[in-house]
Amino acid sequence: MNFNKAEFFASYGTFSQIPPCENIEIAFAGRSNVGKSTLINKIFNRKSLARVSSVPGKTATINFYKIDPITIVDLPGYGYAKVAKSEKHRWAELIEGYLGAGRNLQLIFLLIDMRHAPSKDDLQMISYLIECSLPFVLVLTKADKLKKTQREQRMTCFEQEIPYFNEIHIVPFSAMTREGIEEIQSIIEEIAEQDNDEI
């Protein structure tokens, strides 16, 4: 798979605008400012495929990217406090509408900041994915910000904080050191190959 060939396809502000599913889909989810856009750019070796903003809550749409045979779906960041309740409600409907639509969604990469305990919204998302039997990988972002002992401490804490943590596929990620990028690319390639095998 040539990751450089990913292209922006479309973005939608409400679930009703989203066209029917054509390809297998892989989604990226996480709270605002966790680094979804940065991760997407690193995976596809691009500086600005996904727009990176220093302002949390900037991705208020579902953004679709094509890299045959897969569609990559960037979900709006959740949990940002400084937006109107109506806007939060729209984001929630957008995310829940997409995840509950029975699309050909093969995997969700759920991003959590490795430096901190998961937020209430993070835990709600994990519980939702488990309850709905939606396959997901937990990507722990900003891994380079922690020293080795801090990292070990956080991993130990995650075992207590996140349900079924030891049964979840975990990928630490750093945009600075590129840790985790090859592993995530391999997971995407594996899903693409499975799809080709089924054709």
N, C-alpha and C. Protein backbone atom coordinates (compact mmCIF):
# COMPACT_ATOMS: atom_id res chain seq x y z
N MET A 1 0.85 -1.20 0.00
CA MET A 1 0.00 0.00 0.00
C MET A 1 0.88 1.25 0.00
N ASN A 2 0.60 2.17 -0.90
CA ASN A 2 1.37 3.41 -0.98
C ASN A 2 0.66 4.48 -0.15
N PHE A 3 1.16 4.69 1.06
CA PHE A 3 0.50 5.62 1.99
C PHE A 3 0.56 7.06 1.50
N ASN A 4 1.51 7.36 0.61
CA ASN A 4 1.62 8.73 0.07
C ASN A 4 0.44 9.10 -0.82
N LYS A 5 -0.33 8.10 -1.25
CA LYS A 5 -1.40 8.36 -2.23
C LYS A 5 -2.74 8.68 -1.60
N ALA A 6 -2.77 8.82 -0.28
CA ALA A 6 -4.04 9.18 0.38
C ALA A 6 -4.49 10.56 -0.08
N GLU A 7 -5.78 10.71 -0.30
CA GLU A 7 -6.33 11.99 -0.75
C GLU A 7 -7.56 12.36 0.06
N PHE A 8 -7.68 13.65 0.35
CA PHE A 8 -8.90 14.14 0.99
C PHE A 8 -10.07 13.95 0.04
N PHE A 9 -11.18 13.46 0.58
CA PHE A 9 -12.34 13.16 -0.27
C PHE A 9 -13.49 14.14 -0.01
N ALA A 10 -13.92 14.25 1.24
CA ALA A 10 -15.05 15.13 1.55
C ALA A 10 -15.18 15.30 3.06
N SER A 11 -15.91 16.33 3.47
CA SER A 11 -16.23 16.46 4.90
C SER A 11 -17.70 16.82 5.04
N TYR A 12 -18.30 16.36 6.15
CA TYR A 12 -19.74 16.51 6.36
C TYR A 12 -19.99 16.99 7.79
N GLY A 13 -20.95 17.93 7.91
CA GLY A 13 -21.25 18.51 9.21
C GLY A 13 -22.42 17.86 9.92
N THR A 14 -23.22 17.08 9.18
CA THR A 14 -24.32 16.34 9.81
C THR A 14 -24.33 14.92 9.25
N PHE A 15 -24.83 13.99 10.04
CA PHE A 15 -24.81 12.59 9.62
C PHE A 15 -25.63 12.34 8.36
N SER A 16 -26.73 13.08 8.21
CA SER A 16 -27.61 12.86 7.06
C SER A 16 -26.93 13.18 5.72
N GLN A 17 -25.86 13.98 5.76
CA GLN A 17 -25.14 14.34 4.53
C GLN A 17 -24.22 13.21 4.04
N ILE A 18 -23.88 12.28 4.92
CA ILE A 18 -22.85 11.29 4.59
C ILE A 18 -23.41 10.27 3.59
N PRO A 19 -22.72 10.08 2.46
CA PRO A 19 -23.21 9.13 1.45
C PRO A 19 -23.04 7.69 1.93
N PRO A 20 -23.71 6.74 1.28
CA PRO A 20 -23.56 5.33 1.67
C PRO A 20 -22.11 4.88 1.58
N CYS A 21 -21.81 3.85 2.37
CA CYS A 21 -20.46 3.30 2.44
C CYS A 21 -20.13 2.54 1.15
N GLU A 22 -18.99 2.85 0.55
CA GLU A 22 -18.56 2.16 -0.66
C GLU A 22 -17.38 1.22 -0.42
N ASN A 23 -16.44 1.65 0.41
CA ASN A 23 -15.24 0.85 0.71
C ASN A 23 -15.28 0.41 2.17
N ILE A 24 -14.32 -0.41 2.54
CA ILE A 24 -14.13 -0.65 3.97
C ILE A 24 -13.61 0.64 4.58
N GLU A 25 -13.95 0.87 5.85
CA GLU A 25 -13.60 2.13 6.51
C GLU A 25 -12.81 1.87 7.79
N ILE A 26 -11.88 2.76 8.05
CA ILE A 26 -11.12 2.77 9.30
C ILE A 26 -11.28 4.17 9.88
N ALA A 27 -11.73 4.28 11.12
CA ALA A 27 -12.00 5.58 11.71
C ALA A 27 -10.97 5.94 12.79
N PHE A 28 -10.77 7.24 12.96
CA PHE A 28 -9.91 7.78 14.01
C PHE A 28 -10.78 8.62 14.93
N ALA A 29 -10.73 8.31 16.23
CA ALA A 29 -11.56 9.02 17.21
C ALA A 29 -10.69 9.43 18.40
N GLY A 30 -11.19 10.42 19.13
CA GLY A 30 -10.47 10.86 20.32
C GLY A 30 -10.94 12.24 20.74
N ARG A 31 -10.56 12.64 21.93
CA ARG A 31 -11.00 13.95 22.41
C ARG A 31 -10.28 15.05 21.65
N SER A 32 -10.80 16.26 21.75
CA SER A 32 -10.21 17.40 21.06
C SER A 32 -8.76 17.59 21.48
N ASN A 33 -7.93 17.91 20.50
CA ASN A 33 -6.51 18.23 20.72
C ASN A 33 -5.66 17.04 21.17
N VAL A 34 -6.14 15.82 20.94
CA VAL A 34 -5.36 14.64 21.32
C VAL A 34 -4.31 14.30 20.27
N GLY A 35 -4.48 14.85 19.06
CA GLY A 35 -3.46 14.64 18.02
C GLY A 35 -3.91 13.78 16.85
N LYS A 36 -5.23 13.74 16.59
CA LYS A 36 -5.72 12.89 15.48
C LYS A 36 -5.18 13.36 14.13
N SER A 37 -5.29 14.66 13.87
CA SER A 37 -4.83 15.19 12.58
C SER A 37 -3.33 14.97 12.40
N THR A 38 -2.57 15.16 13.47
CA THR A 38 -1.13 14.94 13.42
C THR A 38 -0.82 13.49 13.09
N LEU A 39 -1.52 12.57 13.75
CA LEU A 39 -1.30 11.14 13.49
C LEU A 39 -1.63 10.79 12.04
N ILE A 40 -2.76 11.27 11.54
CA ILE A 40 -3.16 10.98 10.16
C ILE A 40 -2.09 11.48 9.18
N ASN A 41 -1.59 12.69 9.42
CA ASN A 41 -0.54 13.24 8.55
C ASN A 41 0.73 12.40 8.59
N LYS A 42 1.11 11.92 9.77
CA LYS A 42 2.33 11.11 9.91
C LYS A 42 2.16 9.75 9.21
N ILE A 43 0.99 9.14 9.36
CA ILE A 43 0.75 7.83 8.73
C ILE A 43 0.89 7.93 7.21
N PHE A 44 0.37 9.04 6.66
CA PHE A 44 0.34 9.18 5.20
C PHE A 44 1.46 10.07 4.66
N ASN A 45 2.47 10.31 5.52
CA ASN A 45 3.68 11.03 5.11
C ASN A 45 3.37 12.38 4.47
N ARG A 46 2.41 13.09 5.06
CA ARG A 46 2.01 14.39 4.51
C ARG A 46 2.03 15.44 5.62
N LYS A 47 2.30 16.67 5.23
CA LYS A 47 2.33 17.75 6.23
C LYS A 47 0.93 18.28 6.54
N SER A 48 0.07 18.29 5.54
CA SER A 48 -1.22 18.93 5.77
C SER A 48 -2.39 18.23 5.07
N LEU A 49 -2.33 16.89 5.03
CA LEU A 49 -3.48 16.14 4.52
C LEU A 49 -4.68 16.42 5.43
N ALA A 50 -4.45 16.24 6.74
CA ALA A 50 -5.46 16.63 7.75
C ALA A 50 -4.99 17.94 8.37
N ARG A 51 -5.90 18.87 8.50
CA ARG A 51 -5.52 20.18 9.03
C ARG A 51 -5.28 20.09 10.53
N VAL A 52 -4.08 20.52 10.94
CA VAL A 52 -3.72 20.51 12.36
C VAL A 52 -3.99 21.90 12.92
N SER A 53 -4.67 21.96 14.05
CA SER A 53 -4.97 23.26 14.66
C SER A 53 -4.49 23.28 16.11
N SER A 54 -4.03 24.45 16.54
CA SER A 54 -3.65 24.61 17.95
C SER A 54 -4.88 24.88 18.81
N VAL A 55 -6.01 25.10 18.13
CA VAL A 55 -7.26 25.38 18.84
C VAL A 55 -8.06 24.08 18.98
N PRO A 56 -8.27 23.61 20.23
CA PRO A 56 -9.05 22.38 20.41
C PRO A 56 -10.45 22.53 19.85
N GLY A 57 -11.02 21.42 19.38
CA GLY A 57 -12.39 21.44 18.90
C GLY A 57 -12.54 21.99 17.50
N LYS A 58 -11.43 22.12 16.78
CA LYS A 58 -11.48 22.72 15.44
C LYS A 58 -12.12 21.77 14.42
N THR A 59 -11.86 20.46 14.57
CA THR A 59 -12.46 19.49 13.64
C THR A 59 -13.91 19.26 14.06
N ALA A 60 -14.81 20.01 13.44
CA ALA A 60 -16.23 19.91 13.80
C ALA A 60 -17.02 19.15 12.74
N THR A 61 -16.30 18.51 11.84
CA THR A 61 -16.94 17.73 10.78
C THR A 61 -16.33 16.33 10.77
N ILE A 62 -17.02 15.40 10.08
CA ILE A 62 -16.41 14.10 9.78
C ILE A 62 -15.68 14.26 8.45
N ASN A 63 -14.40 13.98 8.46
CA ASN A 63 -13.58 14.13 7.25
C ASN A 63 -13.21 12.76 6.69
N PHE A 64 -13.38 12.61 5.38
CA PHE A 64 -13.12 11.34 4.70
C PHE A 64 -11.90 11.47 3.79
N TYR A 65 -11.04 10.45 3.85
CA TYR A 65 -9.85 10.38 3.00
C TYR A 65 -9.85 9.03 2.29
N LYS A 66 -9.42 9.02 1.05
CA LYS A 66 -9.40 7.77 0.27
C LYS A 66 -7.96 7.30 0.06
N ILE A 67 -7.74 6.03 0.32
CA ILE A 67 -6.52 5.36 -0.08
C ILE A 67 -6.93 3.93 -0.40
N ASP A 68 -7.12 3.65 -1.69
CA ASP A 68 -7.69 2.36 -2.10
C ASP A 68 -6.96 1.18 -1.48
N PRO A 69 -7.70 0.19 -0.95
CA PRO A 69 -9.16 0.04 -1.04
C PRO A 69 -9.90 0.54 0.21
N ILE A 70 -9.29 1.48 0.93
CA ILE A 70 -9.81 1.88 2.24
C ILE A 70 -10.24 3.35 2.23
N THR A 71 -11.28 3.64 3.00
CA THR A 71 -11.63 5.03 3.31
C THR A 71 -11.25 5.29 4.77
N ILE A 72 -10.48 6.34 4.98
CA ILE A 72 -10.09 6.75 6.33
C ILE A 72 -11.06 7.83 6.80
N VAL A 73 -11.58 7.67 8.00
CA VAL A 73 -12.60 8.57 8.52
C VAL A 73 -12.09 9.25 9.80
N ASP A 74 -12.00 10.58 9.75
CA ASP A 74 -11.54 11.37 10.89
C ASP A 74 -12.76 11.94 11.58
N LEU A 75 -13.09 11.41 12.76
CA LEU A 75 -14.28 11.85 13.50
C LEU A 75 -13.99 13.14 14.27
N PRO A 76 -15.00 13.97 14.54
CA PRO A 76 -14.77 15.19 15.31
C PRO A 76 -14.24 14.87 16.70
N GLY A 77 -13.35 15.72 17.19
CA GLY A 77 -12.87 15.54 18.56
C GLY A 77 -13.99 15.80 19.55
N TYR A 78 -14.05 14.96 20.58
CA TYR A 78 -15.13 15.13 21.57
C TYR A 78 -14.56 15.72 22.86
N GLY A 79 -15.45 16.20 23.72
CA GLY A 79 -15.07 16.58 25.08
C GLY A 79 -14.50 17.98 25.24
N TYR A 80 -14.59 18.84 24.20
CA TYR A 80 -14.06 20.19 24.37
C TYR A 80 -15.11 21.07 25.02
N ALA A 81 -14.75 21.71 26.13
CA ALA A 81 -15.72 22.40 26.97
C ALA A 81 -16.21 23.73 26.38
N LYS A 82 -15.35 24.42 25.65
CA LYS A 82 -15.65 25.81 25.27
C LYS A 82 -16.43 25.92 23.96
N VAL A 83 -17.44 25.09 23.80
CA VAL A 83 -18.36 25.25 22.67
C VAL A 83 -19.79 25.18 23.21
N ALA A 84 -20.71 25.73 22.45
CA ALA A 84 -22.11 25.75 22.88
C ALA A 84 -22.65 24.33 23.01
N LYS A 85 -23.63 24.18 23.90
CA LYS A 85 -24.25 22.86 24.10
C LYS A 85 -24.84 22.31 22.81
N SER A 86 -25.42 23.21 22.01
CA SER A 86 -26.01 22.77 20.74
C SER A 86 -24.94 22.18 19.82
N GLU A 87 -23.75 22.78 19.83
CA GLU A 87 -22.65 22.30 18.99
C GLU A 87 -22.15 20.95 19.50
N LYS A 88 -22.04 20.83 20.83
CA LYS A 88 -21.65 19.53 21.42
C LYS A 88 -22.64 18.44 21.04
N HIS A 89 -23.92 18.80 21.08
CA HIS A 89 -24.98 17.84 20.74
C HIS A 89 -24.84 17.41 19.27
N ARG A 90 -24.55 18.37 18.40
CA ARG A 90 -24.38 18.05 16.98
C ARG A 90 -23.19 17.10 16.79
N TRP A 91 -22.08 17.39 17.49
CA TRP A 91 -20.90 16.51 17.38
C TRP A 91 -21.24 15.10 17.84
N ALA A 92 -21.95 15.02 18.99
CA ALA A 92 -22.31 13.71 19.54
C ALA A 92 -23.19 12.93 18.56
N GLU A 93 -24.15 13.62 17.96
CA GLU A 93 -25.03 12.97 16.98
C GLU A 93 -24.24 12.50 15.75
N LEU A 94 -23.27 13.31 15.37
CA LEU A 94 -22.44 12.98 14.21
C LEU A 94 -21.61 11.72 14.49
N ILE A 95 -20.97 11.68 15.66
CA ILE A 95 -20.12 10.54 16.01
C ILE A 95 -20.97 9.28 16.22
N GLU A 96 -22.02 9.41 17.04
CA GLU A 96 -22.87 8.24 17.33
C GLU A 96 -23.60 7.77 16.09
N GLY A 97 -24.04 8.72 15.27
CA GLY A 97 -24.72 8.36 14.01
C GLY A 97 -23.81 7.55 13.12
N TYR A 98 -22.57 7.99 13.00
CA TYR A 98 -21.62 7.28 12.15
C TYR A 98 -21.31 5.89 12.72
N LEU A 99 -20.97 5.84 14.00
CA LEU A 99 -20.56 4.56 14.60
C LEU A 99 -21.70 3.55 14.65
N GLY A 100 -22.94 4.06 14.73
CA GLY A 100 -24.08 3.15 14.86
C GLY A 100 -24.79 2.85 13.55
N ALA A 101 -24.19 3.25 12.42
CA ALA A 101 -24.89 3.17 11.14
C ALA A 101 -24.73 1.84 10.41
N GLY A 102 -23.98 0.92 11.00
CA GLY A 102 -23.81 -0.38 10.34
C GLY A 102 -22.98 -0.31 9.07
N ARG A 103 -22.06 0.67 9.01
CA ARG A 103 -21.19 0.79 7.85
C ARG A 103 -20.13 -0.30 7.89
N ASN A 104 -19.38 -0.43 6.80
CA ASN A 104 -18.34 -1.46 6.74
C ASN A 104 -17.09 -0.96 7.48
N LEU A 105 -17.28 -0.74 8.78
CA LEU A 105 -16.24 -0.17 9.64
C LEU A 105 -15.40 -1.31 10.23
N GLN A 106 -14.18 -1.42 9.77
CA GLN A 106 -13.33 -2.54 10.16
C GLN A 106 -12.55 -2.29 11.45
N LEU A 107 -12.26 -1.02 11.73
CA LEU A 107 -11.45 -0.72 12.91
C LEU A 107 -11.57 0.76 13.27
N ILE A 108 -11.46 1.03 14.58
CA ILE A 108 -11.37 2.40 15.08
C ILE A 108 -10.05 2.53 15.82
N PHE A 109 -9.28 3.54 15.46
CA PHE A 109 -8.12 3.92 16.26
C PHE A 109 -8.60 4.98 17.24
N LEU A 110 -8.62 4.63 18.53
CA LEU A 110 -9.07 5.56 19.57
C LEU A 110 -7.83 6.16 20.25
N LEU A 111 -7.69 7.47 20.15
CA LEU A 111 -6.51 8.15 20.67
C LEU A 111 -6.76 8.69 22.07
N ILE A 112 -5.79 8.44 22.95
CA ILE A 112 -5.83 8.97 24.32
C ILE A 112 -4.45 9.53 24.63
N ASP A 113 -4.40 10.68 25.29
CA ASP A 113 -3.13 11.31 25.68
C ASP A 113 -2.47 10.44 26.75
N MET A 114 -1.28 9.95 26.44
CA MET A 114 -0.59 9.03 27.35
C MET A 114 -0.22 9.68 28.68
N ARG A 115 -0.13 11.01 28.71
CA ARG A 115 0.36 11.69 29.91
C ARG A 115 -0.68 11.74 31.03
N HIS A 116 -1.94 11.51 30.67
CA HIS A 116 -3.03 11.75 31.64
C HIS A 116 -3.96 10.55 31.76
N ALA A 117 -4.67 10.51 32.88
CA ALA A 117 -5.72 9.51 33.03
C ALA A 117 -6.79 9.77 31.97
N PRO A 118 -7.46 8.73 31.47
CA PRO A 118 -8.52 8.95 30.48
C PRO A 118 -9.64 9.80 31.06
N SER A 119 -10.20 10.66 30.22
CA SER A 119 -11.31 11.51 30.65
C SER A 119 -12.59 10.68 30.74
N LYS A 120 -13.60 11.30 31.32
CA LYS A 120 -14.92 10.66 31.38
C LYS A 120 -15.41 10.33 29.96
N ASP A 121 -15.17 11.27 29.02
CA ASP A 121 -15.58 11.05 27.63
C ASP A 121 -14.81 9.89 27.00
N ASP A 122 -13.52 9.78 27.31
CA ASP A 122 -12.71 8.66 26.80
C ASP A 122 -13.29 7.33 27.28
N LEU A 123 -13.60 7.28 28.57
CA LEU A 123 -14.12 6.03 29.16
C LEU A 123 -15.49 5.69 28.59
N GLN A 124 -16.32 6.72 28.35
CA GLN A 124 -17.62 6.48 27.72
C GLN A 124 -17.45 5.91 26.31
N MET A 125 -16.48 6.46 25.57
CA MET A 125 -16.24 5.97 24.21
C MET A 125 -15.75 4.53 24.24
N ILE A 126 -14.82 4.21 25.15
CA ILE A 126 -14.31 2.83 25.25
C ILE A 126 -15.46 1.87 25.59
N SER A 127 -16.29 2.26 26.55
CA SER A 127 -17.43 1.41 26.94
C SER A 127 -18.39 1.22 25.78
N TYR A 128 -18.63 2.31 25.02
CA TYR A 128 -19.53 2.24 23.86
C TYR A 128 -18.99 1.27 22.82
N LEU A 129 -17.70 1.37 22.53
CA LEU A 129 -17.09 0.49 21.51
C LEU A 129 -17.15 -0.97 21.94
N ILE A 130 -16.89 -1.21 23.24
CA ILE A 130 -16.94 -2.58 23.75
C ILE A 130 -18.37 -3.12 23.69
N GLU A 131 -19.33 -2.31 24.15
CA GLU A 131 -20.74 -2.73 24.17
C GLU A 131 -21.25 -3.03 22.76
N CYS A 132 -20.80 -2.23 21.79
CA CYS A 132 -21.27 -2.39 20.40
C CYS A 132 -20.42 -3.40 19.61
N SER A 133 -19.46 -4.01 20.30
CA SER A 133 -18.55 -4.97 19.65
C SER A 133 -17.85 -4.38 18.42
N LEU A 134 -17.49 -3.10 18.53
CA LEU A 134 -16.75 -2.44 17.46
C LEU A 134 -15.26 -2.61 17.72
N PRO A 135 -14.50 -3.19 16.79
CA PRO A 135 -13.08 -3.44 17.02
C PRO A 135 -12.30 -2.12 17.08
N PHE A 136 -11.42 -2.01 18.07
CA PHE A 136 -10.63 -0.78 18.17
C PHE A 136 -9.23 -1.06 18.70
N VAL A 137 -8.33 -0.14 18.36
CA VAL A 137 -6.96 -0.13 18.86
C VAL A 137 -6.80 1.16 19.64
N LEU A 138 -6.18 1.08 20.80
CA LEU A 138 -5.95 2.27 21.61
C LEU A 138 -4.58 2.85 21.27
N VAL A 139 -4.56 4.09 20.79
CA VAL A 139 -3.31 4.76 20.46
C VAL A 139 -3.02 5.78 21.56
N LEU A 140 -1.89 5.59 22.25
CA LEU A 140 -1.51 6.49 23.34
C LEU A 140 -0.58 7.55 22.78
N THR A 141 -1.10 8.76 22.63
CA THR A 141 -0.36 9.83 21.96
C THR A 141 0.59 10.56 22.90
N LYS A 142 1.51 11.32 22.29
CA LYS A 142 2.46 12.19 23.00
C LYS A 142 3.37 11.38 23.92
N ALA A 143 3.71 10.16 23.46
CA ALA A 143 4.53 9.24 24.26
C ALA A 143 5.91 9.81 24.56
N ASP A 144 6.43 10.65 23.68
CA ASP A 144 7.78 11.21 23.87
C ASP A 144 7.83 12.22 25.01
N LYS A 145 6.67 12.68 25.47
CA LYS A 145 6.64 13.70 26.54
C LYS A 145 6.92 13.09 27.92
N LEU A 146 6.93 11.77 28.00
CA LEU A 146 7.13 11.10 29.29
C LEU A 146 8.51 10.45 29.37
N LYS A 147 9.13 10.57 30.54
CA LYS A 147 10.37 9.83 30.78
C LYS A 147 10.02 8.36 30.99
N LYS A 148 11.02 7.49 30.94
CA LYS A 148 10.77 6.05 31.00
C LYS A 148 9.98 5.65 32.25
N THR A 149 10.38 6.18 33.41
CA THR A 149 9.68 5.80 34.65
C THR A 149 8.25 6.35 34.67
N GLN A 150 8.06 7.57 34.15
CA GLN A 150 6.70 8.15 34.07
C GLN A 150 5.82 7.31 33.17
N ARG A 151 6.40 6.86 32.08
CA ARG A 151 5.67 6.04 31.12
C ARG A 151 5.23 4.72 31.75
N GLU A 152 6.14 4.10 32.47
CA GLU A 152 5.82 2.83 33.15
C GLU A 152 4.70 3.05 34.17
N GLN A 153 4.78 4.18 34.90
CA GLN A 153 3.76 4.49 35.89
C GLN A 153 2.38 4.67 35.23
N ARG A 154 2.37 5.40 34.09
CA ARG A 154 1.10 5.63 33.40
C ARG A 154 0.51 4.31 32.90
N MET A 155 1.35 3.44 32.37
CA MET A 155 0.85 2.16 31.87
C MET A 155 0.25 1.34 33.01
N THR A 156 0.88 1.37 34.16
CA THR A 156 0.34 0.67 35.34
C THR A 156 -1.00 1.27 35.74
N CYS A 157 -1.08 2.61 35.72
CA CYS A 157 -2.33 3.29 36.08
C CYS A 157 -3.44 2.98 35.08
N PHE A 158 -3.08 2.93 33.79
CA PHE A 158 -4.07 2.63 32.76
C PHE A 158 -4.76 1.28 33.01
N GLU A 159 -3.98 0.33 33.56
CA GLU A 159 -4.55 -0.99 33.85
C GLU A 159 -5.72 -0.88 34.83
N GLN A 160 -5.63 0.10 35.74
CA GLN A 160 -6.70 0.31 36.73
C GLN A 160 -7.80 1.21 36.17
N GLU A 161 -7.41 2.13 35.30
CA GLU A 161 -8.34 3.17 34.85
C GLU A 161 -9.22 2.75 33.66
N ILE A 162 -8.67 1.87 32.80
CA ILE A 162 -9.37 1.51 31.56
C ILE A 162 -9.85 0.07 31.63
N PRO A 163 -11.16 -0.16 31.45
CA PRO A 163 -11.67 -1.54 31.51
C PRO A 163 -11.05 -2.41 30.43
N TYR A 164 -10.70 -3.65 30.81
CA TYR A 164 -10.14 -4.65 29.88
C TYR A 164 -8.84 -4.16 29.22
N PHE A 165 -8.10 -3.28 29.90
CA PHE A 165 -6.91 -2.68 29.30
C PHE A 165 -5.93 -3.73 28.77
N ASN A 166 -5.74 -4.80 29.55
CA ASN A 166 -4.76 -5.82 29.15
C ASN A 166 -5.22 -6.66 27.95
N GLU A 167 -6.49 -6.53 27.59
CA GLU A 167 -7.00 -7.27 26.43
C GLU A 167 -7.09 -6.39 25.17
N ILE A 168 -6.76 -5.11 25.33
CA ILE A 168 -6.86 -4.16 24.20
C ILE A 168 -5.49 -4.04 23.52
N HIS A 169 -5.50 -3.97 22.19
CA HIS A 169 -4.26 -3.72 21.43
C HIS A 169 -3.85 -2.26 21.67
N ILE A 170 -2.65 -2.07 22.22
CA ILE A 170 -2.17 -0.73 22.58
C ILE A 170 -1.00 -0.35 21.68
N VAL A 171 -1.03 0.88 21.16
CA VAL A 171 0.10 1.39 20.36
C VAL A 171 0.51 2.76 20.91
N PRO A 172 1.65 2.86 21.58
CA PRO A 172 2.17 4.18 21.95
C PRO A 172 2.62 4.93 20.69
N PHE A 173 2.31 6.24 20.64
CA PHE A 173 2.62 7.02 19.43
C PHE A 173 3.29 8.33 19.80
N SER A 174 4.29 8.69 19.00
CA SER A 174 4.93 9.99 19.13
C SER A 174 5.16 10.59 17.75
N ALA A 175 4.67 11.82 17.55
CA ALA A 175 4.90 12.51 16.28
C ALA A 175 6.37 12.91 16.16
N MET A 176 7.03 13.13 17.30
CA MET A 176 8.43 13.57 17.29
C MET A 176 9.38 12.44 16.92
N THR A 177 9.19 11.27 17.54
CA THR A 177 10.12 10.15 17.32
C THR A 177 9.61 9.17 16.27
N ARG A 178 8.36 9.34 15.86
CA ARG A 178 7.69 8.45 14.90
C ARG A 178 7.39 7.07 15.49
N GLU A 179 7.49 6.94 16.79
CA GLU A 179 7.13 5.67 17.44
C GLU A 179 5.67 5.35 17.16
N GLY A 180 5.41 4.11 16.76
CA GLY A 180 4.05 3.64 16.56
C GLY A 180 3.53 3.77 15.14
N ILE A 181 4.19 4.59 14.32
CA ILE A 181 3.66 4.84 12.96
C ILE A 181 3.70 3.58 12.12
N GLU A 182 4.84 2.88 12.12
CA GLU A 182 4.96 1.66 11.30
C GLU A 182 3.97 0.60 11.75
N GLU A 183 3.75 0.50 13.06
CA GLU A 183 2.79 -0.50 13.58
C GLU A 183 1.38 -0.17 13.11
N ILE A 184 1.00 1.10 13.15
CA ILE A 184 -0.33 1.51 12.70
C ILE A 184 -0.47 1.28 11.19
N GLN A 185 0.58 1.61 10.44
CA GLN A 185 0.55 1.36 8.99
C GLN A 185 0.37 -0.13 8.70
N SER A 186 1.06 -0.97 9.48
CA SER A 186 0.94 -2.43 9.29
C SER A 186 -0.47 -2.93 9.56
N ILE A 187 -1.11 -2.36 10.58
CA ILE A 187 -2.49 -2.74 10.90
C ILE A 187 -3.41 -2.37 9.74
N ILE A 188 -3.23 -1.16 9.20
CA ILE A 188 -4.06 -0.70 8.06
C ILE A 188 -3.83 -1.60 6.85
N GLU A 189 -2.56 -1.92 6.59
CA GLU A 189 -2.24 -2.79 5.44
C GLU A 189 -2.86 -4.17 5.60
N GLU A 190 -2.85 -4.69 6.81
CA GLU A 190 -3.43 -6.01 7.08
C GLU A 190 -4.92 -6.02 6.78
N ILE A 191 -5.62 -4.94 7.18
CA ILE A 191 -7.05 -4.83 6.91
C ILE A 191 -7.30 -4.74 5.41
N ALA A 192 -6.47 -3.97 4.70
CA ALA A 192 -6.61 -3.83 3.25
C ALA A 192 -6.39 -5.16 2.54
N GLU A 193 -5.43 -5.94 3.02
CA GLU A 193 -5.12 -7.25 2.41
C GLU A 193 -6.27 -8.22 2.67
N GLN A 194 -6.85 -8.19 3.85
CA GLN A 194 -7.98 -9.06 4.15
C GLN A 194 -9.14 -8.77 3.20
N ASP A 195 -9.35 -7.46 2.94
CA ASP A 195 -10.43 -7.06 2.04
C ASP A 195 -10.16 -7.58 0.63
N ASN A 196 -8.91 -7.49 0.18
CA ASN A 196 -8.55 -7.98 -1.15
C ASN A 196 -8.74 -9.49 -1.26
N ASP A 197 -8.44 -10.19 -0.17
CA ASP A 197 -8.60 -11.65 -0.14
C ASP A 197 -10.06 -12.07 -0.28
N GLU A 198 -10.97 -11.19 0.24
CA GLU A 198 -12.40 -11.53 0.24
C GLU A 198 -13.04 -11.25 -1.12
N ILE A 199 -12.38 -10.40 -1.94
CA ILE A 199 -12.95 -10.06 -3.26
C ILE A 199 -12.86 -11.24 -4.21
